[in-house]
Protein backbone atom coordinates (compact mmCIF):
# COMPACT_ATOMS: atom_id res chain seq x y z
CA MET A 1 111.26 105.63 91.70
CA LYS A 2 112.09 101.96 91.82
CA LYS A 3 110.79 99.99 88.85
CA ALA A 4 110.52 96.52 90.31
CA PHE A 5 107.04 95.23 91.10
CA THR A 6 106.04 91.61 91.70
CA PHE A 7 103.02 91.32 89.42
CA LEU A 8 101.91 87.75 90.04
CA SER A 9 102.06 87.84 93.84
CA LEU A 10 100.37 91.22 93.82
CA LEU A 11 97.46 90.04 91.70
CA SER A 12 97.01 86.87 93.69
CA SER A 13 97.01 88.66 97.05
CA LEU A 14 94.74 91.59 96.13
CA CYS A 15 91.17 91.18 95.00
CA SER A 16 90.67 94.94 95.02
CA PRO A 17 92.74 98.05 95.78
CA VAL A 18 90.78 98.68 98.97
CA LEU A 19 93.19 98.12 101.83
CA GLY A 20 90.51 97.03 104.26
CA GLN A 21 90.16 93.79 102.33
CA LEU A 22 93.80 92.81 102.80
CA ASP A 23 95.11 90.30 105.30
CA THR A 24 97.06 92.27 107.91
CA ALA A 25 100.06 90.01 107.31
CA SER A 26 100.37 91.49 103.80
CA ILE A 27 100.45 95.16 104.81
CA VAL A 28 103.00 97.48 106.40
CA SER A 29 102.18 100.46 108.61
CA SER A 30 104.19 103.51 107.58
CA PHE A 31 104.43 106.71 109.66
CA MET A 32 105.43 109.78 107.62
CA TYR A 33 105.16 113.56 107.43
CA VAL A 34 103.35 115.61 104.78
CA ASN A 35 104.75 119.13 104.64
CA SER A 36 104.00 121.78 102.03
CA ASP A 37 103.42 125.53 101.90
CA THR A 38 100.54 124.73 99.55
CA LEU A 39 98.59 123.28 102.47
CA SER A 40 99.38 125.96 105.05
CA ASN A 41 96.45 128.20 104.12
CA TYR A 42 93.82 125.48 104.50
CA ASP A 43 92.18 123.69 107.37
CA ILE A 44 93.43 120.21 106.46
CA VAL A 45 91.37 117.43 107.99
CA ALA A 46 92.63 114.37 106.10
CA PHE A 47 94.78 113.06 103.25
CA THR A 48 94.45 110.45 100.54
CA LEU A 49 97.38 108.61 98.98
CA LYS A 50 97.57 106.64 95.75
CA THR A 51 100.09 105.03 93.47
CA PRO A 52 101.40 107.24 90.63
CA GLU A 53 99.91 106.96 87.16
CA ASN A 54 102.93 105.08 85.82
CA ALA A 55 102.73 102.40 88.53
CA PRO A 56 101.46 98.97 87.44
CA MET A 57 99.21 98.77 90.52
CA ASP A 58 96.12 100.94 90.98
CA TRP A 59 95.84 101.49 94.74
CA GLN A 60 94.35 104.32 96.78
CA SER A 61 93.98 104.79 100.51
CA ASP A 62 90.87 105.74 102.41
CA LYS A 63 90.88 109.20 104.02
CA ILE A 64 93.73 109.42 106.53
CA ARG A 65 93.37 111.77 109.48
CA PRO A 66 96.61 113.37 110.75
CA LEU A 67 98.02 112.02 114.00
CA LEU A 68 99.93 115.20 114.74
CA GLN A 69 100.53 118.63 113.20
CA ASP A 70 103.95 120.16 113.71
CA PRO A 71 104.61 123.76 112.60
CA ASP A 72 108.02 122.78 111.23
CA SER A 73 107.59 119.20 110.05
CA GLY A 74 103.98 119.30 108.83
CA PHE A 75 101.33 116.63 109.31
CA LEU A 76 102.24 113.21 110.69
CA ILE A 77 100.08 110.45 109.16
CA LYS A 78 99.96 106.67 109.30
CA VAL A 79 99.16 104.69 106.18
CA ASP A 80 98.80 100.92 105.90
CA LEU A 81 100.39 99.90 102.61
CA PRO A 82 100.34 96.62 100.71
CA LEU A 83 103.67 94.92 101.33
CA GLU A 84 104.62 95.07 97.64
CA ILE A 85 104.22 98.84 97.57
CA SER A 86 106.19 99.32 100.78
CA GLU A 87 109.09 97.27 99.43
CA ASN A 88 109.14 98.49 95.82
CA THR A 89 107.90 102.09 95.73
CA ASP A 90 109.67 105.29 96.76
CA GLU A 91 106.73 107.70 96.79
CA LEU A 92 102.96 108.06 96.48
CA GLU A 93 100.74 110.83 95.15
CA CYS A 94 99.13 112.82 97.95
CA THR A 95 95.96 114.93 98.12
CA GLY A 96 94.99 117.11 101.08
CA ILE A 97 91.34 117.16 102.16
CA ALA A 98 90.14 120.47 103.62
CA LYS A 99 86.85 121.85 104.86
CA LYS A 100 85.90 125.13 103.21
CA SER A 101 83.00 127.38 104.14
CA TYR A 102 80.42 128.27 101.54
CA GLY A 103 80.52 131.88 102.76
CA VAL A 104 77.71 133.90 104.31
CA PHE A 105 75.39 130.88 104.17
CA SER A 106 77.86 128.52 105.88
CA TRP A 107 75.64 128.49 108.97
CA LEU A 108 72.94 126.93 106.78
CA TYR A 109 74.88 124.65 104.46
CA GLY A 110 77.81 123.75 106.65
CA LYS A 111 81.19 123.21 105.03
CA LYS A 112 82.06 121.51 101.78
CA GLU A 113 85.05 119.28 101.15
CA LEU A 114 87.93 120.65 99.12
CA GLU A 115 90.68 118.52 97.54
CA ILE A 116 94.13 120.09 97.31
CA PRO A 117 96.74 118.30 95.16
CA TYR A 118 100.02 117.96 97.00
CA GLY A 119 102.15 115.97 94.58
CA GLY A 120 104.56 113.19 95.48
CA ILE A 121 105.32 112.21 99.05
CA GLU A 122 108.32 110.07 99.90
CA LEU A 123 107.67 106.93 101.90
CA SER A 124 109.40 106.53 105.24
CA VAL A 125 112.80 104.93 104.86
CA ILE A 126 113.69 103.56 108.31
CA LYS A 127 112.65 99.97 108.93
CA LEU A 128 111.83 99.51 112.61
CA GLU A 129 111.62 95.89 113.73
CA ILE A 130 109.33 95.43 116.75
CA LYS A 131 109.71 92.29 118.85
CA SER A 132 108.45 90.90 122.13
CA ASN A 133 108.99 87.79 124.21
CA PRO A 134 106.61 86.06 124.18
CA GLN A 135 105.32 87.10 120.78
CA GLY A 136 101.74 88.09 120.05
CA ALA A 137 101.57 91.65 121.44
CA ASP A 138 99.57 94.48 119.92
CA VAL A 139 101.72 97.55 119.32
CA TYR A 140 100.98 101.28 119.31
CA LEU A 141 103.39 103.99 118.12
CA VAL A 142 102.47 107.27 119.79
CA PRO A 143 104.49 110.42 118.97
CA ILE A 144 106.19 111.46 122.18
CA ARG A 145 104.53 114.89 122.22
CA VAL A 146 101.10 113.27 121.92
CA TRP A 147 102.03 110.78 124.61
CA ASP A 148 103.15 113.48 127.06
CA LYS A 149 99.99 115.47 126.47
CA ARG A 150 97.33 112.74 126.34
CA PHE A 151 98.52 109.42 127.76
CA LYS A 152 101.47 109.90 130.11
CA ASN A 153 99.54 109.91 133.37
CA ILE A 154 96.51 107.85 132.33
CA GLU A 155 95.90 104.15 132.98
CA LEU A 156 96.65 102.46 129.66
CA GLU A 157 93.84 99.92 129.91
CA LYS A 158 91.43 102.87 129.86
CA SER A 159 93.16 104.45 126.86
CA LEU A 160 93.06 101.68 124.25
CA SER A 161 90.24 103.20 122.24
CA ASP A 162 91.97 106.59 122.22
CA MET A 163 95.24 104.99 121.12
CA GLU A 164 93.60 103.05 118.27
CA PRO A 165 94.69 105.54 115.54
CA TYR A 166 98.32 104.85 116.55
CA LYS A 167 98.03 101.08 116.40
CA VAL A 168 100.41 99.17 114.15
CA ASN A 169 98.12 97.29 111.80
CA THR A 170 100.70 94.89 110.43
CA SER A 171 99.69 92.03 112.75
CA VAL A 172 101.06 91.42 116.23
CA THR A 173 104.68 91.03 117.28
CA ASP A 174 107.05 90.17 115.84
CA THR A 175 106.45 92.75 113.11
CA PHE A 176 107.94 95.90 111.57
CA VAL A 177 106.94 99.40 110.50
CA ARG A 178 108.39 102.20 108.37
CA ILE A 179 109.16 105.44 110.21
CA ASP A 180 111.11 108.67 109.90
CA GLN A 181 113.02 110.31 112.75
CA THR A 182 109.97 111.02 114.91
CA VAL A 183 110.47 110.06 118.56
CA PHE A 184 107.81 107.55 119.59
CA LYS A 185 106.55 106.04 122.81
CA ILE A 186 105.96 102.42 121.84
CA VAL A 187 103.23 100.60 123.77
CA PHE A 188 103.10 96.79 123.84
CA HIS A 189 99.89 95.11 125.01
CA VAL A 190 99.22 91.41 125.53
CA ASN A 191 96.98 89.56 128.02
CA ASP A 192 96.08 92.80 129.87
CA VAL A 193 99.78 93.54 130.45
CA PHE A 194 101.42 96.71 129.10
CA LYS A 195 105.04 97.55 128.42
CA THR A 196 106.29 100.89 127.11
CA ILE A 197 109.61 102.04 125.71
CA THR A 198 110.78 105.29 124.12
CA HIS A 199 112.42 104.99 120.71
CA ARG A 200 114.60 107.81 119.36
CA PRO A 201 115.43 106.78 115.79
CA GLN A 202 118.90 107.11 114.35
CA PRO A 203 119.17 108.72 110.89
CA GLN A 204 118.52 106.30 108.06
CA SER A 205 121.98 106.98 106.65
CA ILE A 206 123.50 105.64 109.89
CA GLU A 207 121.10 102.82 110.74
CA PRO A 208 118.54 101.95 108.03
CA VAL A 209 117.23 98.95 109.99
CA GLN A 210 116.53 99.49 113.70
CA SER A 211 115.04 97.24 116.35
CA VAL A 212 113.15 97.44 119.64
CA SER A 213 112.04 94.61 121.92
CA VAL A 214 110.46 93.96 125.31
CA GLN A 215 110.24 91.04 127.72
CA PHE A 216 106.87 90.34 129.34
């Protein structure tokens, strides 16, 4: 894990580790997979991520619901990280959140929450720069399989609320995100106008910084 952390800028920009209190300009959306045989026997409904114990910053996410579950790749999640963590940290500690029945009385008591330690999860390594002309567009990254199933033949202006979990929360264009090699349909939205493009990432070893752009 990288050792460098910018202490002074971190302390000045964060009043608390709760991400919701951060200015969106100081965070980076990161799309990544969580995959482990440990989780395969549970009904996983969410994840939490936090900095490791040896990190100088104490940060923990809220509960993160999976965007997609793939039988081979695992659970695709989106986490909005403080910029300093995105730039200086290789991995975060991950916990799976499952719903477990109490047993014969589950009909009466419902289900309780169960935390399943996962261990370390590597942060996405591809930097995807997202640009538009003019600037100022909201951006959504929808996995192509989700797009084909849920949004492909639907009017986008009627789908904004459903696409909200896929929204890039690192301010409007021009911006950037961290991704792996998931194929995304990228939706740009500004002034009631939509543009979409399909991005098929190159491996990080070939092209660590990639770029997409649209003209309105």
